[in-house]
Amino acid sequence: MKHDALSSGKRKAVNLSLDTGVVAAAREAGLNLSQICEAALRDAARGERDRQWQEENREWIEANNAWVEKHGLPLAKYRMF
């Protein structure tokens, strides 16, 4: 697994309550519950971190978009596409 800011490389045992049917189906399919849960939690944490960043920077983003809408992209005349 690729290392990122959400990964420490260390493991911690935790208890999860999962629907028994979901667990049975995953085991029958040969899926690794730990890896799947970890990936889902990583994605959820990254999504929440991104959402919070966007909310914290909403005013700047809106101001920047308004400036570009009014003045156009800086250096647009040099674009090759």
C-alpha atoms as a PDB file:
ATOM      1  CA  MET A   1       0.000   0.000   0.000  1.00  0.00           C
ATOM      2  CA  LYS A   2       1.280   3.440  -0.925  1.00  0.00           C
ATOM      3  CA  HIS A   3       2.410   5.516   2.056  1.00  0.00           C
ATOM      4  CA  ASP A   4       0.598   8.795   2.659  1.00  0.00           C
ATOM      5  CA  ALA A   5      -0.113  11.190   5.520  1.00  0.00           C
ATOM      6  CA  LEU A   6      -2.919   8.939   6.767  1.00  0.00           C
ATOM      7  CA  SER A   7      -0.680   5.869   7.053  1.00  0.00           C
ATOM      8  CA  SER A   8       1.713   5.243   9.896  1.00  0.00           C
ATOM      9  CA  GLY A   9       2.709   1.734   8.835  1.00  0.00           C
ATOM     10  CA  LYS A  10       1.837   0.483  12.317  1.00  0.00           C
ATOM     11  CA  ARG A  11      -1.162  -1.676  13.138  1.00  0.00           C
ATOM     12  CA  LYS A  12      -3.571  -1.489  16.082  1.00  0.00           C
ATOM     13  CA  ALA A  13      -6.105  -4.157  16.968  1.00  0.00           C
ATOM     14  CA  VAL A  14      -9.634  -2.751  17.230  1.00  0.00           C
ATOM     15  CA  ASN A  15     -13.115  -4.186  17.676  1.00  0.00           C
ATOM     16  CA  LEU A  16     -15.726  -3.558  15.000  1.00  0.00           C
ATOM     17  CA  SER A  17     -19.368  -4.547  14.914  1.00  0.00           C
ATOM     18  CA  LEU A  18     -20.310  -5.658  11.420  1.00  0.00           C
ATOM     19  CA  ASP A  19     -23.425  -7.259  10.014  1.00  0.00           C
ATOM     20  CA  THR A  20     -22.976 -11.043  10.150  1.00  0.00           C
ATOM     21  CA  GLY A  21     -24.268 -11.463   6.608  1.00  0.00           C
ATOM     22  CA  VAL A  22     -21.720  -8.986   5.283  1.00  0.00           C
ATOM     23  CA  VAL A  23     -18.905 -10.739   7.138  1.00  0.00           C
ATOM     24  CA  ALA A  24     -20.012 -14.161   5.875  1.00  0.00           C
ATOM     25  CA  ALA A  25     -20.239 -12.939   2.287  1.00  0.00           C
ATOM     26  CA  ALA A  26     -16.811 -11.290   2.487  1.00  0.00           C
ATOM     27  CA  ARG A  27     -15.201 -14.403   3.936  1.00  0.00           C
ATOM     28  CA  GLU A  28     -16.899 -16.598   1.336  1.00  0.00           C
ATOM     29  CA  ALA A  29     -15.483 -14.336  -1.359  1.00  0.00           C
ATOM     30  CA  GLY A  30     -12.019 -14.579   0.215  1.00  0.00           C
ATOM     31  CA  LEU A  31     -11.835 -10.875   1.021  1.00  0.00           C
ATOM     32  CA  ASN A  32      -9.512  -9.460   3.655  1.00  0.00           C
ATOM     33  CA  LEU A  33     -11.767  -7.593   6.089  1.00  0.00           C
ATOM     34  CA  SER A  34      -8.910  -5.661   7.688  1.00  0.00           C
ATOM     35  CA  GLN A  35      -7.584  -4.344   4.383  1.00  0.00           C
ATOM     36  CA  ILE A  36     -11.037  -3.400   3.118  1.00  0.00           C
ATOM     37  CA  CYS A  37     -12.016  -1.644   6.362  1.00  0.00           C
ATOM     38  CA  GLU A  38      -8.686   0.182   6.462  1.00  0.00           C
ATOM     39  CA  ALA A  39      -9.049   1.352   2.854  1.00  0.00           C
ATOM     40  CA  ALA A  40     -12.637   2.501   3.443  1.00  0.00           C
ATOM     41  CA  LEU A  41     -11.656   4.396   6.603  1.00  0.00           C
ATOM     42  CA  ARG A  42      -8.684   5.971   4.825  1.00  0.00           C
ATOM     43  CA  ASP A  43     -10.949   7.141   1.980  1.00  0.00           C
ATOM     44  CA  ALA A  44     -13.535   8.476   4.426  1.00  0.00           C
ATOM     45  CA  ALA A  45     -10.878  10.329   6.460  1.00  0.00           C
ATOM     46  CA  ARG A  46      -9.337  11.809   3.309  1.00  0.00           C
ATOM     47  CA  GLY A  47     -12.762  12.882   2.052  1.00  0.00           C
ATOM     48  CA  GLU A  48     -13.620  14.539   5.355  1.00  0.00           C
ATOM     49  CA  ARG A  49     -10.222  16.257   5.508  1.00  0.00           C
ATOM     50  CA  ASP A  50     -10.773  17.584   1.968  1.00  0.00           C
ATOM     51  CA  ARG A  51     -14.313  18.730   2.805  1.00  0.00           C
ATOM     52  CA  GLN A  52     -13.067  20.586   5.885  1.00  0.00           C
ATOM     53  CA  TRP A  53     -10.263  22.239   3.878  1.00  0.00           C
ATOM     54  CA  GLN A  54     -12.747  23.396   1.248  1.00  0.00           C
ATOM     55  CA  GLU A  55     -15.062  24.798   3.920  1.00  0.00           C
ATOM     56  CA  GLU A  56     -12.200  26.560   5.719  1.00  0.00           C
ATOM     57  CA  ASN A  57     -10.994  28.060   2.430  1.00  0.00           C
ATOM     58  CA  ARG A  58     -14.400  28.691   0.836  1.00  0.00           C
ATOM     59  CA  GLU A  59     -14.094  32.489   0.931  1.00  0.00           C
ATOM     60  CA  TRP A  60     -10.672  32.440  -0.726  1.00  0.00           C
ATOM     61  CA  ILE A  61     -11.848  29.969  -3.379  1.00  0.00           C
ATOM     62  CA  GLU A  62     -14.887  32.110  -4.180  1.00  0.00           C
ATOM     63  CA  ALA A  63     -12.786  35.291  -4.313  1.00  0.00           C
ATOM     64  CA  ASN A  64     -10.228  33.626  -6.565  1.00  0.00           C
ATOM     65  CA  ASN A  65     -12.925  32.298  -8.900  1.00  0.00           C
ATOM     66  CA  ALA A  66     -14.542  35.751  -9.065  1.00  0.00           C
ATOM     67  CA  TRP A  67     -11.194  37.350  -9.916  1.00  0.00           C
ATOM     68  CA  VAL A  68     -10.545  34.841 -12.712  1.00  0.00           C
ATOM     69  CA  GLU A  69     -14.073  35.317 -14.032  1.00  0.00           C
ATOM     70  CA  LYS A  70     -13.571  39.084 -14.124  1.00  0.00           C
ATOM     71  CA  HIS A  71      -9.964  39.222 -15.369  1.00  0.00           C
ATOM     72  CA  GLY A  72      -9.422  35.866 -17.053  1.00  0.00           C
ATOM     73  CA  LEU A  73      -6.619  33.429 -16.418  1.00  0.00           C
ATOM     74  CA  PRO A  74      -3.193  34.949 -15.832  1.00  0.00           C
ATOM     75  CA  LEU A  75      -0.847  34.150 -18.709  1.00  0.00           C
ATOM     76  CA  ALA A  76      -3.770  32.760 -20.764  1.00  0.00           C
ATOM     77  CA  LYS A  77      -2.243  34.170 -23.947  1.00  0.00           C
ATOM     78  CA  TYR A  78       0.669  31.737 -23.569  1.00  0.00           C
ATOM     79  CA  ARG A  79      -1.537  28.631 -23.338  1.00  0.00           C
ATOM     80  CA  MET A  80      -0.984  26.091 -26.084  1.00  0.00           C
ATOM     81  CA  PHE A  81      -4.482  24.597 -25.878  1.00  0.00           C
END
